[in-house]
Amino acid sequence: MARFFGDKRMVVGTILLPGLLIFVMYTFMGSALTNQFTVDEDFIPKVGVVALPDSLGQLAEGGALPLELVPVTDAEQGKAQVTGEELDVLAVFPAGFDQAVAAYTPASGERAPAVAL
């Protein structure tokens, strides 16, 4: 025991250096992962919408939703724009979405109106 603590290089190499290396490695990993998974404060996503219901259109126009809605006529055209990185996401609403949501009751056992993203 006295031989171990008497040799300063051995103490530094076995006790202090591994802890220091782990600290430095996790510091770099943490900052890299934070930068990878965060977005800018002023980022506004572009959402392509097919058959946008009036209720959601009014929310977007009123500024309640922090996103830019881009009307798309066809789902395939929208998919191409997402692939080309012109849009961030594509939302395809079924025809009569507002009426289907208003008529839906969970107790009926039917599937809820779905939006394809």
PDB file of N, CA and C in Angstrom:
ATOM      1  N   MET A   1       0.814  -1.179   0.000  1.00  0.00           N
ATOM      2  CA  MET A   1       0.000   0.000   0.000  1.00  0.00           C
ATOM      3  C   MET A   1       0.866   1.254   0.000  1.00  0.00           C
ATOM      4  N   ALA A   2       1.903   1.251   0.821  1.00  0.00           N
ATOM      5  CA  ALA A   2       2.795   2.407   0.882  1.00  0.00           C
ATOM      6  C   ALA A   2       3.530   2.571  -0.430  1.00  0.00           C
ATOM      7  N   ARG A   3       3.827   1.448  -1.094  1.00  0.00           N
ATOM      8  CA  ARG A   3       4.531   1.521  -2.379  1.00  0.00           C
ATOM      9  C   ARG A   3       3.622   2.145  -3.446  1.00  0.00           C
ATOM     10  N   PHE A   4       2.316   1.801  -3.405  1.00  0.00           N
ATOM     11  CA  PHE A   4       1.363   2.343  -4.371  1.00  0.00           C
ATOM     12  C   PHE A   4       1.211   3.852  -4.208  1.00  0.00           C
ATOM     13  N   PHE A   5       0.948   4.315  -2.980  1.00  0.00           N
ATOM     14  CA  PHE A   5       0.745   5.742  -2.753  1.00  0.00           C
ATOM     15  C   PHE A   5       2.048   6.519  -2.756  1.00  0.00           C
ATOM     16  N   GLY A   6       3.160   5.859  -2.611  1.00  0.00           N
ATOM     17  CA  GLY A   6       4.453   6.542  -2.639  1.00  0.00           C
ATOM     18  C   GLY A   6       4.877   6.908  -4.049  1.00  0.00           C
ATOM     19  N   ASP A   7       4.408   6.146  -5.051  1.00  0.00           N
ATOM     20  CA  ASP A   7       4.757   6.418  -6.450  1.00  0.00           C
ATOM     21  C   ASP A   7       3.698   7.355  -7.038  1.00  0.00           C
ATOM     22  N   LYS A   8       4.070   8.616  -7.257  1.00  0.00           N
ATOM     23  CA  LYS A   8       3.112   9.637  -7.710  1.00  0.00           C
ATOM     24  C   LYS A   8       2.590   9.345  -9.110  1.00  0.00           C
ATOM     25  N   ARG A   9       3.416   8.793  -9.975  1.00  0.00           N
ATOM     26  CA  ARG A   9       2.963   8.480 -11.332  1.00  0.00           C
ATOM     27  C   ARG A   9       1.878   7.407 -11.310  1.00  0.00           C
ATOM     28  N   MET A  10       2.013   6.438 -10.442  1.00  0.00           N
ATOM     29  CA  MET A  10       1.027   5.369 -10.358  1.00  0.00           C
ATOM     30  C   MET A  10      -0.306   5.903  -9.826  1.00  0.00           C
ATOM     31  N   VAL A  11      -0.265   6.782  -8.846  1.00  0.00           N
ATOM     32  CA  VAL A  11      -1.496   7.373  -8.306  1.00  0.00           C
ATOM     33  C   VAL A  11      -2.201   8.183  -9.384  1.00  0.00           C
ATOM     34  N   VAL A  12      -1.451   8.993 -10.110  1.00  0.00           N
ATOM     35  CA  VAL A  12      -2.042   9.813 -11.174  1.00  0.00           C
ATOM     36  C   VAL A  12      -2.596   8.925 -12.274  1.00  0.00           C
ATOM     37  N   GLY A  13      -1.847   7.900 -12.663  1.00  0.00           N
ATOM     38  CA  GLY A  13      -2.257   7.038 -13.770  1.00  0.00           C
ATOM     39  C   GLY A  13      -3.433   6.142 -13.458  1.00  0.00           C
ATOM     40  N   THR A  14      -3.616   5.749 -12.213  1.00  0.00           N
ATOM     41  CA  THR A  14      -4.695   4.808 -11.894  1.00  0.00           C
ATOM     42  C   THR A  14      -5.910   5.445 -11.236  1.00  0.00           C
ATOM     43  N   ILE A  15      -5.750   6.585 -10.588  1.00  0.00           N
ATOM     44  CA  ILE A  15      -6.885   7.199  -9.885  1.00  0.00           C
ATOM     45  C   ILE A  15      -7.362   8.470 -10.583  1.00  0.00           C
ATOM     46  N   LEU A  16      -6.496   9.396 -10.840  1.00  0.00           N
ATOM     47  CA  LEU A  16      -6.903  10.700 -11.362  1.00  0.00           C
ATOM     48  C   LEU A  16      -7.133  10.696 -12.870  1.00  0.00           C
ATOM     49  N   LEU A  17      -6.251  10.083 -13.631  1.00  0.00           N
ATOM     50  CA  LEU A  17      -6.341  10.147 -15.090  1.00  0.00           C
ATOM     51  C   LEU A  17      -7.619   9.511 -15.649  1.00  0.00           C
ATOM     52  N   PRO A  18      -8.047   8.330 -15.210  1.00  0.00           N
ATOM     53  CA  PRO A  18      -9.310   7.792 -15.749  1.00  0.00           C
ATOM     54  C   PRO A  18     -10.517   8.694 -15.468  1.00  0.00           C
ATOM     55  N   GLY A  19     -10.594   9.250 -14.280  1.00  0.00           N
ATOM     56  CA  GLY A  19     -11.698  10.160 -13.968  1.00  0.00           C
ATOM     57  C   GLY A  19     -11.675  11.402 -14.832  1.00  0.00           C
ATOM     58  N   LEU A  20     -10.504  11.947 -15.058  1.00  0.00           N
ATOM     59  CA  LEU A  20     -10.364  13.134 -15.903  1.00  0.00           C
ATOM     60  C   LEU A  20     -10.741  12.820 -17.346  1.00  0.00           C
ATOM     61  N   LEU A  21     -10.312  11.672 -17.849  1.00  0.00           N
ATOM     62  CA  LEU A  21     -10.649  11.289 -19.224  1.00  0.00           C
ATOM     63  C   LEU A  21     -12.157  11.075 -19.391  1.00  0.00           C
ATOM     64  N   ILE A  22     -12.791  10.450 -18.419  1.00  0.00           N
ATOM     65  CA  ILE A  22     -14.242  10.254 -18.492  1.00  0.00           C
ATOM     66  C   ILE A  22     -14.961  11.599 -18.467  1.00  0.00           C
ATOM     67  N   PHE A  23     -14.534  12.512 -17.634  1.00  0.00           N
ATOM     68  CA  PHE A  23     -15.146  13.839 -17.566  1.00  0.00           C
ATOM     69  C   PHE A  23     -15.028  14.564 -18.904  1.00  0.00           C
ATOM     70  N   VAL A  24     -13.840  14.566 -19.480  1.00  0.00           N
ATOM     71  CA  VAL A  24     -13.621  15.267 -20.756  1.00  0.00           C
ATOM     72  C   VAL A  24     -14.438  14.612 -21.867  1.00  0.00           C
ATOM     73  N   MET A  25     -14.452  13.287 -21.911  1.00  0.00           N
ATOM     74  CA  MET A  25     -15.181  12.581 -22.961  1.00  0.00           C
ATOM     75  C   MET A  25     -16.686  12.860 -22.861  1.00  0.00           C
ATOM     76  N   TYR A  26     -17.256  12.782 -21.667  1.00  0.00           N
ATOM     77  CA  TYR A  26     -18.683  13.040 -21.514  1.00  0.00           C
ATOM     78  C   TYR A  26     -19.035  14.508 -21.733  1.00  0.00           C
ATOM     79  N   THR A  27     -18.133  15.409 -21.456  1.00  0.00           N
ATOM     80  CA  THR A  27     -18.382  16.820 -21.740  1.00  0.00           C
ATOM     81  C   THR A  27     -18.524  17.043 -23.238  1.00  0.00           C
ATOM     82  N   PHE A  28     -17.616  16.483 -24.020  1.00  0.00           N
ATOM     83  CA  PHE A  28     -17.703  16.627 -25.476  1.00  0.00           C
ATOM     84  C   PHE A  28     -18.923  15.902 -26.036  1.00  0.00           C
ATOM     85  N   MET A  29     -19.212  14.723 -25.529  1.00  0.00           N
ATOM     86  CA  MET A  29     -20.380  13.983 -26.007  1.00  0.00           C
ATOM     87  C   MET A  29     -21.671  14.726 -25.678  1.00  0.00           C
ATOM     88  N   GLY A  30     -21.761  15.301 -24.492  1.00  0.00           N
ATOM     89  CA  GLY A  30     -22.963  16.028 -24.104  1.00  0.00           C
ATOM     90  C   GLY A  30     -23.208  17.244 -24.968  1.00  0.00           C
ATOM     91  N   SER A  31     -22.167  18.005 -25.244  1.00  0.00           N
ATOM     92  CA  SER A  31     -22.351  19.193 -26.086  1.00  0.00           C
ATOM     93  C   SER A  31     -22.668  18.795 -27.520  1.00  0.00           C
ATOM     94  N   ALA A  32     -22.068  17.717 -28.015  1.00  0.00           N
ATOM     95  CA  ALA A  32     -22.360  17.275 -29.379  1.00  0.00           C
ATOM     96  C   ALA A  32     -23.799  16.784 -29.496  1.00  0.00           C
ATOM     97  N   LEU A  33     -24.270  16.015 -28.530  1.00  0.00           N
ATOM     98  CA  LEU A  33     -25.643  15.523 -28.580  1.00  0.00           C
ATOM     99  C   LEU A  33     -26.658  16.640 -28.386  1.00  0.00           C
ATOM    100  N   THR A  34     -26.334  17.605 -27.568  1.00  0.00           N
ATOM    101  CA  THR A  34     -27.229  18.747 -27.380  1.00  0.00           C
ATOM    102  C   THR A  34     -27.385  19.514 -28.686  1.00  0.00           C
ATOM    103  N   ASN A  35     -26.298  19.745 -29.390  1.00  0.00           N
ATOM    104  CA  ASN A  35     -26.362  20.442 -30.668  1.00  0.00           C
ATOM    105  C   ASN A  35     -27.100  19.614 -31.714  1.00  0.00           C
ATOM    106  N   GLN A  36     -26.993  18.303 -31.634  1.00  0.00           N
ATOM    107  CA  GLN A  36     -27.624  17.415 -32.605  1.00  0.00           C
ATOM    108  C   GLN A  36     -29.146  17.418 -32.476  1.00  0.00           C
ATOM    109  N   PHE A  37     -29.668  17.484 -31.262  1.00  0.00           N
ATOM    110  CA  PHE A  37     -31.092  17.285 -31.039  1.00  0.00           C
ATOM    111  C   PHE A  37     -31.852  18.537 -30.632  1.00  0.00           C
ATOM    112  N   THR A  38     -31.305  19.711 -30.809  1.00  0.00           N
ATOM    113  CA  THR A  38     -32.029  20.946 -30.526  1.00  0.00           C
ATOM    114  C   THR A  38     -32.177  21.749 -31.809  1.00  0.00           C
ATOM    115  N   VAL A  39     -33.169  22.613 -31.840  1.00  0.00           N
ATOM    116  CA  VAL A  39     -33.387  23.479 -32.993  1.00  0.00           C
ATOM    117  C   VAL A  39     -33.262  24.928 -32.547  1.00  0.00           C
ATOM    118  N   ASP A  40     -33.113  25.797 -33.511  1.00  0.00           N
ATOM    119  CA  ASP A  40     -33.015  27.219 -33.211  1.00  0.00           C
ATOM    120  C   ASP A  40     -34.336  27.725 -32.638  1.00  0.00           C
ATOM    121  N   GLU A  41     -34.250  28.767 -31.834  1.00  0.00           N
ATOM    122  CA  GLU A  41     -35.448  29.352 -31.216  1.00  0.00           C
ATOM    123  C   GLU A  41     -36.410  29.916 -32.265  1.00  0.00           C
ATOM    124  N   ASP A  42     -35.889  30.449 -33.366  1.00  0.00           N
ATOM    125  CA  ASP A  42     -36.727  31.097 -34.364  1.00  0.00           C
ATOM    126  C   ASP A  42     -37.105  30.166 -35.520  1.00  0.00           C
ATOM    127  N   PHE A  43     -36.873  28.862 -35.386  1.00  0.00           N
ATOM    128  CA  PHE A  43     -37.198  27.903 -36.444  1.00  0.00           C
ATOM    129  C   PHE A  43     -38.707  27.735 -36.550  1.00  0.00           C
ATOM    130  N   ILE A  44     -39.224  27.896 -37.754  1.00  0.00           N
ATOM    131  CA  ILE A  44     -40.649  27.690 -38.022  1.00  0.00           C
ATOM    132  C   ILE A  44     -40.748  26.592 -39.077  1.00  0.00           C
ATOM    133  N   PRO A  45     -41.309  25.440 -38.728  1.00  0.00           N
ATOM    134  CA  PRO A  45     -41.371  24.332 -39.685  1.00  0.00           C
ATOM    135  C   PRO A  45     -42.350  24.618 -40.817  1.00  0.00           C
ATOM    136  N   LYS A  46     -41.995  24.141 -42.007  1.00  0.00           N
ATOM    137  CA  LYS A  46     -42.873  24.237 -43.167  1.00  0.00           C
ATOM    138  C   LYS A  46     -43.645  22.926 -43.269  1.00  0.00           C
ATOM    139  N   VAL A  47     -44.958  23.031 -43.183  1.00  0.00           N
ATOM    140  CA  VAL A  47     -45.821  21.857 -43.217  1.00  0.00           C
ATOM    141  C   VAL A  47     -46.653  21.903 -44.486  1.00  0.00           C
ATOM    142  N   GLY A  48     -46.474  20.915 -45.336  1.00  0.00           N
ATOM    143  CA  GLY A  48     -47.312  20.780 -46.512  1.00  0.00           C
ATOM    144  C   GLY A  48     -48.614  20.118 -46.115  1.00  0.00           C
ATOM    145  N   VAL A  49     -49.740  20.671 -46.540  1.00  0.00           N
ATOM    146  CA  VAL A  49     -51.041  20.131 -46.152  1.00  0.00           C
ATOM    147  C   VAL A  49     -51.877  19.823 -47.386  1.00  0.00           C
ATOM    148  N   VAL A  50     -52.508  18.656 -47.357  1.00  0.00           N
ATOM    149  CA  VAL A  50     -53.447  18.251 -48.395  1.00  0.00           C
ATOM    150  C   VAL A  50     -54.822  18.241 -47.750  1.00  0.00           C
ATOM    151  N   ALA A  51     -55.773  18.957 -48.333  1.00  0.00           N
ATOM    152  CA  ALA A  51     -57.164  19.049 -47.849  1.00  0.00           C
ATOM    153  C   ALA A  51     -57.212  19.566 -46.415  1.00  0.00           C
ATOM    154  N   LEU A  52     -56.615  20.719 -46.181  1.00  0.00           N
ATOM    155  CA  LEU A  52     -56.588  21.314 -44.842  1.00  0.00           C
ATOM    156  C   LEU A  52     -57.996  21.695 -44.400  1.00  0.00           C
ATOM    157  N   PRO A  53     -58.438  21.221 -43.232  1.00  0.00           N
ATOM    158  CA  PRO A  53     -59.759  21.606 -42.728  1.00  0.00           C
ATOM    159  C   PRO A  53     -59.789  23.081 -42.331  1.00  0.00           C
ATOM    160  N   ASP A  54     -60.962  23.671 -42.385  1.00  0.00           N
ATOM    161  CA  ASP A  54     -61.110  25.090 -42.053  1.00  0.00           C
ATOM    162  C   ASP A  54     -60.715  25.382 -40.610  1.00  0.00           C
ATOM    163  N   SER A  55     -61.014  24.468 -39.694  1.00  0.00           N
ATOM    164  CA  SER A  55     -60.721  24.717 -38.281  1.00  0.00           C
ATOM    165  C   SER A  55     -59.221  24.861 -38.045  1.00  0.00           C
ATOM    166  N   LEU A  56     -58.415  24.036 -38.659  1.00  0.00           N
ATOM    167  CA  LEU A  56     -56.966  24.139 -38.485  1.00  0.00           C
ATOM    168  C   LEU A  56     -56.389  25.309 -39.273  1.00  0.00           C
ATOM    169  N   GLY A  57     -57.000  25.629 -40.392  1.00  0.00           N
ATOM    170  CA  GLY A  57     -56.546  26.784 -41.161  1.00  0.00           C
ATOM    171  C   GLY A  57     -56.716  28.075 -40.378  1.00  0.00           C
ATOM    172  N   GLN A  58     -57.824  28.191 -39.640  1.00  0.00           N
ATOM    173  CA  GLN A  58     -58.054  29.384 -38.822  1.00  0.00           C
ATOM    174  C   GLN A  58     -57.051  29.466 -37.678  1.00  0.00           C
ATOM    175  N   LEU A  59     -56.683  28.328 -37.083  1.00  0.00           N
ATOM    176  CA  LEU A  59     -55.674  28.331 -36.017  1.00  0.00           C
ATOM    177  C   LEU A  59     -54.326  28.817 -36.535  1.00  0.00           C
ATOM    178  N   ALA A  60     -53.963  28.361 -37.714  1.00  0.00           N
ATOM    179  CA  ALA A  60     -52.663  28.746 -38.269  1.00  0.00           C
ATOM    180  C   ALA A  60     -52.641  30.219 -38.653  1.00  0.00           C
ATOM    181  N   GLU A  61     -53.744  30.710 -39.199  1.00  0.00           N
ATOM    182  CA  GLU A  61     -53.795  32.119 -39.592  1.00  0.00           C
ATOM    183  C   GLU A  61     -53.778  33.035 -38.376  1.00  0.00           C
ATOM    184  N   GLY A  62     -54.365  32.590 -37.284  1.00  0.00           N
ATOM    185  CA  GLY A  62     -54.413  33.399 -36.072  1.00  0.00           C
ATOM    186  C   GLY A  62     -53.092  33.436 -35.325  1.00  0.00           C
ATOM    187  N   GLY A  63     -52.136  32.656 -35.747  1.00  0.00           N
ATOM    188  CA  GLY A  63     -50.834  32.648 -35.087  1.00  0.00           C
ATOM    189  C   GLY A  63     -50.770  31.725 -33.884  1.00  0.00           C
ATOM    190  N   ALA A  64     -51.816  30.905 -33.677  1.00  0.00           N
ATOM    191  CA  ALA A  64     -51.815  30.000 -32.529  1.00  0.00           C
ATOM    192  C   ALA A  64     -50.856  28.834 -32.741  1.00  0.00           C
ATOM    193  N   LEU A  65     -50.612  28.487 -33.994  1.00  0.00           N
ATOM    194  CA  LEU A  65     -49.682  27.400 -34.306  1.00  0.00           C
ATOM    195  C   LEU A  65     -48.407  27.993 -34.897  1.00  0.00           C
ATOM    196  N   PRO A  66     -47.256  27.740 -34.309  1.00  0.00           N
ATOM    197  CA  PRO A  66     -46.011  28.315 -34.839  1.00  0.00           C
ATOM    198  C   PRO A  66     -45.464  27.497 -36.006  1.00  0.00           C
ATOM    199  N   LEU A  67     -46.198  27.509 -37.117  1.00  0.00           N
ATOM    200  CA  LEU A  67     -45.721  26.809 -38.305  1.00  0.00           C
ATOM    201  C   LEU A  67     -46.245  27.477 -39.553  1.00  0.00           C
ATOM    202  N   GLU A  68     -45.571  27.189 -40.651  1.00  0.00           N
ATOM    203  CA  GLU A  68     -45.957  27.754 -41.942  1.00  0.00           C
ATOM    204  C   GLU A  68     -46.650  26.666 -42.742  1.00  0.00           C
ATOM    205  N   LEU A  69     -47.923  26.882 -43.059  1.00  0.00           N
ATOM    206  CA  LEU A  69     -48.687  25.902 -43.818  1.00  0.00           C
ATOM    207  C   LEU A  69     -48.552  26.187 -45.305  1.00  0.00           C
ATOM    208  N   VAL A  70     -48.182  25.160 -46.056  1.00  0.00           N
ATOM    209  CA  VAL A  70     -48.015  25.277 -47.501  1.00  0.00           C
ATOM    210  C   VAL A  70     -49.037  24.349 -48.155  1.00  0.00           C
ATOM    211  N   PRO A  71     -50.007  24.898 -48.889  1.00  0.00           N
ATOM    212  CA  PRO A  71     -50.996  24.030 -49.538  1.00  0.00           C
ATOM    213  C   PRO A  71     -50.342  23.164 -50.617  1.00  0.00           C
ATOM    214  N   VAL A  72     -50.680  21.890 -50.613  1.00  0.00           N
ATOM    215  CA  VAL A  72     -50.180  20.938 -51.606  1.00  0.00           C
ATOM    216  C   VAL A  72     -51.401  20.267 -52.217  1.00  0.00           C
ATOM    217  N   THR A  73     -51.424  20.146 -53.542  1.00  0.00           N
ATOM    218  CA  THR A  73     -52.596  19.592 -54.212  1.00  0.00           C
ATOM    219  C   THR A  73     -52.621  18.071 -54.194  1.00  0.00           C
ATOM    220  N   ASP A  74     -51.455  17.439 -54.225  1.00  0.00           N
ATOM    221  CA  ASP A  74     -51.388  15.986 -54.321  1.00  0.00           C
ATOM    222  C   ASP A  74     -50.401  15.438 -53.295  1.00  0.00           C
ATOM    223  N   ALA A  75     -50.722  14.301 -52.703  1.00  0.00           N
ATOM    224  CA  ALA A  75     -49.847  13.709 -51.689  1.00  0.00           C
ATOM    225  C   ALA A  75     -48.502  13.303 -52.282  1.00  0.00           C
ATOM    226  N   GLU A  76     -48.501  12.819 -53.510  1.00  0.00           N
ATOM    227  CA  GLU A  76     -47.234  12.407 -54.141  1.00  0.00           C
ATOM    228  C   GLU A  76     -46.331  13.615 -54.384  1.00  0.00           C
ATOM    229  N   GLN A  77     -46.928  14.730 -54.789  1.00  0.00           N
ATOM    230  CA  GLN A  77     -46.156  15.962 -54.968  1.00  0.00           C
ATOM    231  C   GLN A  77     -45.574  16.405 -53.628  1.00  0.00           C
ATOM    232  N   GLY A  78     -46.350  16.303 -52.572  1.00  0.00           N
ATOM    233  CA  GLY A  78     -45.873  16.667 -51.240  1.00  0.00           C
ATOM    234  C   GLY A  78     -44.749  15.770 -50.770  1.00  0.00           C
ATOM    235  N   LYS A  79     -44.858  14.471 -51.041  1.00  0.00           N
ATOM    236  CA  LYS A  79     -43.783  13.544 -50.668  1.00  0.00           C
ATOM    237  C   LYS A  79     -42.490  13.894 -51.398  1.00  0.00           C
ATOM    238  N   ALA A  80     -42.622  14.289 -52.656  1.00  0.00           N
ATOM    239  CA  ALA A  80     -41.433  14.690 -53.412  1.00  0.00           C
ATOM    240  C   ALA A  80     -40.817  15.954 -52.817  1.00  0.00           C
ATOM    241  N   GLN A  81     -41.651  16.878 -52.359  1.00  0.00           N
ATOM    242  CA  GLN A  81     -41.132  18.100 -51.742  1.00  0.00           C
ATOM    243  C   GLN A  81     -40.465  17.810 -50.399  1.00  0.00           C
ATOM    244  N   VAL A  82     -40.981  16.852 -49.646  1.00  0.00           N
ATOM    245  CA  VAL A  82     -40.340  16.471 -48.383  1.00  0.00           C
ATOM    246  C   VAL A  82     -38.998  15.809 -48.671  1.00  0.00           C
ATOM    247  N   THR A  83     -38.962  14.945 -49.681  1.00  0.00           N
ATOM    248  CA  THR A  83     -37.712  14.291 -50.059  1.00  0.00           C
ATOM    249  C   THR A  83     -36.693  15.318 -50.530  1.00  0.00           C
ATOM    250  N   GLY A  84     -37.151  16.333 -51.257  1.00  0.00           N
ATOM    251  CA  GLY A  84     -36.268  17.399 -51.730  1.00  0.00           C
ATOM    252  C   GLY A  84     -35.972  18.450 -50.682  1.00  0.00           C
ATOM    253  N   GLU A  85     -36.454  18.255 -49.458  1.00  0.00           N
ATOM    254  CA  GLU A  85     -36.235  19.141 -48.314  1.00  0.00           C
ATOM    255  C   GLU A  85     -36.792  20.549 -48.517  1.00  0.00           C
ATOM    256  N   GLU A  86     -37.841  20.656 -49.349  1.00  0.00           N
ATOM    257  CA  GLU A  86     -38.549  21.928 -49.475  1.00  0.00           C
ATOM    258  C   GLU A  86     -39.564  22.074 -48.343  1.00  0.00           C
ATOM    259  N   LEU A  87     -40.066  20.932 -47.857  1.00  0.00           N
ATOM    260  CA  LEU A  87     -41.003  20.895 -46.737  1.00  0.00           C
ATOM    261  C   LEU A  87     -40.389  20.062 -45.617  1.00  0.00           C
ATOM    262  N   ASP A  88     -40.789  20.368 -44.376  1.00  0.00           N
ATOM    263  CA  ASP A  88     -40.309  19.585 -43.240  1.00  0.00           C
ATOM    264  C   ASP A  88     -41.185  18.363 -42.985  1.00  0.00           C
ATOM    265  N   VAL A  89     -42.487  18.498 -43.214  1.00  0.00           N
ATOM    266  CA  VAL A  89     -43.415  17.380 -43.005  1.00  0.00           C
ATOM    267  C   VAL A  89     -44.621  17.582 -43.917  1.00  0.00           C
ATOM    268  N   LEU A  90     -45.299  16.484 -44.228  1.00  0.00           N
ATOM    269  CA  LEU A  90     -46.500  16.525 -45.053  1.00  0.00           C
ATOM    270  C   LEU A  90     -47.656  15.961 -44.239  1.00  0.00           C
ATOM    271  N   ALA A  91     -48.758  16.689 -44.169  1.00  0.00           N
ATOM    272  CA  ALA A  91     -49.960  16.228 -43.463  1.00  0.00           C
ATOM    273  C   ALA A  91     -51.082  16.063 -44.483  1.00  0.00           C
ATOM    274  N   VAL A  92     -51.601  14.840 -44.584  1.00  0.00           N
ATOM    275  CA  VAL A  92     -52.681  14.540 -45.524  1.00  0.00           C
ATOM    276  C   VAL A  92     -53.945  14.285 -44.707  1.00  0.00           C
ATOM    277  N   PHE A  93     -54.897  15.208 -44.827  1.00  0.00           N
ATOM    278  CA  PHE A  93     -56.168  15.093 -44.112  1.00  0.00           C
ATOM    279  C   PHE A  93     -57.179  14.394 -45.012  1.00  0.00           C
ATOM    280  N   PRO A  94     -58.007  13.509 -44.455  1.00  0.00           N
ATOM    281  CA  PRO A  94     -59.060  12.896 -45.272  1.00  0.00           C
ATOM    282  C   PRO A  94     -60.149  13.920 -45.588  1.00  0.00           C
ATOM    283  N   ALA A  95     -60.892  13.659 -46.639  1.00  0.00           N
ATOM    284  CA  ALA A  95     -61.982  14.563 -47.015  1.00  0.00           C
ATOM    285  C   ALA A  95     -63.035  14.563 -45.909  1.00  0.00           C
ATOM    286  N   GLY A  96     -63.554  15.725 -45.588  1.00  0.00           N
ATOM    287  CA  GLY A  96     -64.572  15.853 -44.553  1.00  0.00           C
ATOM    288  C   GLY A  96     -64.038  15.584 -43.156  1.00  0.00           C
ATOM    289  N   PHE A  97     -62.823  15.996 -42.886  1.00  0.00           N
ATOM    290  CA  PHE A  97     -62.171  15.709 -41.603  1.00  0.00           C
ATOM    291  C   PHE A  97     -62.907  16.368 -40.438  1.00  0.00           C
ATOM    292  N   ASP A  98     -63.298  17.634 -40.591  1.00  0.00           N
ATOM    293  CA  ASP A  98     -64.002  18.331 -39.500  1.00  0.00           C
ATOM    294  C   ASP A  98     -65.310  17.628 -39.136  1.00  0.00           C
ATOM    295  N   GLN A  99     -66.079  17.231 -40.146  1.00  0.00           N
ATOM    296  CA  GLN A  99     -67.346  16.558 -39.883  1.00  0.00           C
ATOM    297  C   GLN A  99     -67.111  15.182 -39.248  1.00  0.00           C
ATOM    298  N   ALA A 100     -66.081  14.476 -39.697  1.00  0.00           N
ATOM    299  CA  ALA A 100     -65.783  13.150 -39.142  1.00  0.00           C
ATOM    300  C   ALA A 100     -65.350  13.253 -37.684  1.00  0.00           C
ATOM    301  N   VAL A 101     -64.589  14.291 -37.340  1.00  0.00           N
ATOM    302  CA  VAL A 101     -64.169  14.487 -35.950  1.00  0.00           C
ATOM    303  C   VAL A 101     -65.376  14.850 -35.091  1.00  0.00           C
ATOM    304  N   ALA A 102     -66.260  15.691 -35.610  1.00  0.00           N
ATOM    305  CA  ALA A 102     -67.443  16.088 -34.845  1.00  0.00           C
ATOM    306  C   ALA A 102     -68.380  14.896 -34.619  1.00  0.00           C
ATOM    307  N   ALA A 103     -68.454  13.979 -35.574  1.00  0.00           N
ATOM    308  CA  ALA A 103     -69.363  12.841 -35.464  1.00  0.00           C
ATOM    309  C   ALA A 103     -68.744  11.666 -34.710  1.00  0.00           C
ATOM    310  N   TYR A 104     -67.469  11.697 -34.445  1.00  0.00           N
ATOM    311  CA  TYR A 104     -66.786  10.558 -33.812  1.00  0.00           C
ATOM    312  C   TYR A 104     -67.096  10.477 -32.326  1.00  0.00           C
ATOM    313  N   THR A 105     -67.412   9.287 -31.865  1.00  0.00           N
ATOM    314  CA  THR A 105     -67.567   9.024 -30.433  1.00  0.00           C
ATOM    315  C   THR A 105     -66.691   7.819 -30.085  1.00  0.00           C
ATOM    316  N   PRO A 106     -65.871   7.929 -29.061  1.00  0.00           N
ATOM    317  CA  PRO A 106     -64.972   6.824 -28.698  1.00  0.00           C
ATOM    318  C   PRO A 106     -65.713   5.540 -28.321  1.00  0.00           C
ATOM    319  N   ALA A 107     -66.918   5.655 -27.779  1.00  0.00           N
ATOM    320  CA  ALA A 107     -67.665   4.473 -27.350  1.00  0.00           C
ATOM    321  C   ALA A 107     -68.179   3.650 -28.524  1.00  0.00           C
ATOM    322  N   SER A 108     -68.179   4.220 -29.729  1.00  0.00           N
ATOM    323  CA  SER A 108     -68.720   3.505 -30.883  1.00  0.00           C
ATOM    324  C   SER A 108     -67.840   2.334 -31.308  1.00  0.00           C
ATOM    325  N   GLY A 109     -66.567   2.367 -30.959  1.00  0.00           N
ATOM    326  CA  GLY A 109     -65.664   1.287 -31.350  1.00  0.00           C
ATOM    327  C   GLY A 109     -65.074   1.470 -32.732  1.00  0.00           C
ATOM    328  N   GLU A 110     -65.493   2.496 -33.434  1.00  0.00           N
ATOM    329  CA  GLU A 110     -64.944   2.763 -34.764  1.00  0.00           C
ATOM    330  C   GLU A 110     -63.597   3.458 -34.641  1.00  0.00           C
ATOM    331  N   ARG A 111     -62.849   3.404 -35.726  1.00  0.00           N
ATOM    332  CA  ARG A 111     -61.555   4.086 -35.739  1.00  0.00           C
ATOM    333  C   ARG A 111     -61.763   5.596 -35.828  1.00  0.00           C
ATOM    334  N   ALA A 112     -60.929   6.319 -35.130  1.00  0.00           N
ATOM    335  CA  ALA A 112     -60.996   7.780 -35.153  1.00  0.00           C
ATOM    336  C   ALA A 112     -60.472   8.283 -36.494  1.00  0.00           C
ATOM    337  N   PRO A 113     -60.933   9.451 -36.940  1.00  0.00           N
ATOM    338  CA  PRO A 113     -60.400  10.026 -38.175  1.00  0.00           C
ATOM    339  C   PRO A 113     -58.892  10.251 -38.028  1.00  0.00           C
ATOM    340  N   ALA A 114     -58.148   9.793 -38.993  1.00  0.00           N
ATOM    341  CA  ALA A 114     -56.686   9.836 -38.892  1.00  0.00           C
ATOM    342  C   ALA A 114     -56.098  10.799 -39.912  1.00  0.00           C
ATOM    343  N   VAL A 115     -54.992  11.402 -39.532  1.00  0.00           N
ATOM    344  CA  VAL A 115     -54.226  12.281 -40.411  1.00  0.00           C
ATOM    345  C   VAL A 115     -52.929  11.562 -40.735  1.00  0.00           C
ATOM    346  N   ALA A 116     -52.637  11.420 -42.012  1.00  0.00           N
ATOM    347  CA  ALA A 116     -51.391  10.757 -42.423  1.00  0.00           C
ATOM    348  C   ALA A 116     -50.270  11.781 -42.436  1.00  0.00           C
ATOM    349  N   LEU A 117     -49.183  11.459 -41.766  1.00  0.00           N
ATOM    350  CA  LEU A 117     -48.017  12.341 -41.745  1.00  0.00           C
ATOM    351  C   LEU A 117     -46.873  11.688 -42.478  1.00  0.00           C
TER     352      LEU A 117
END
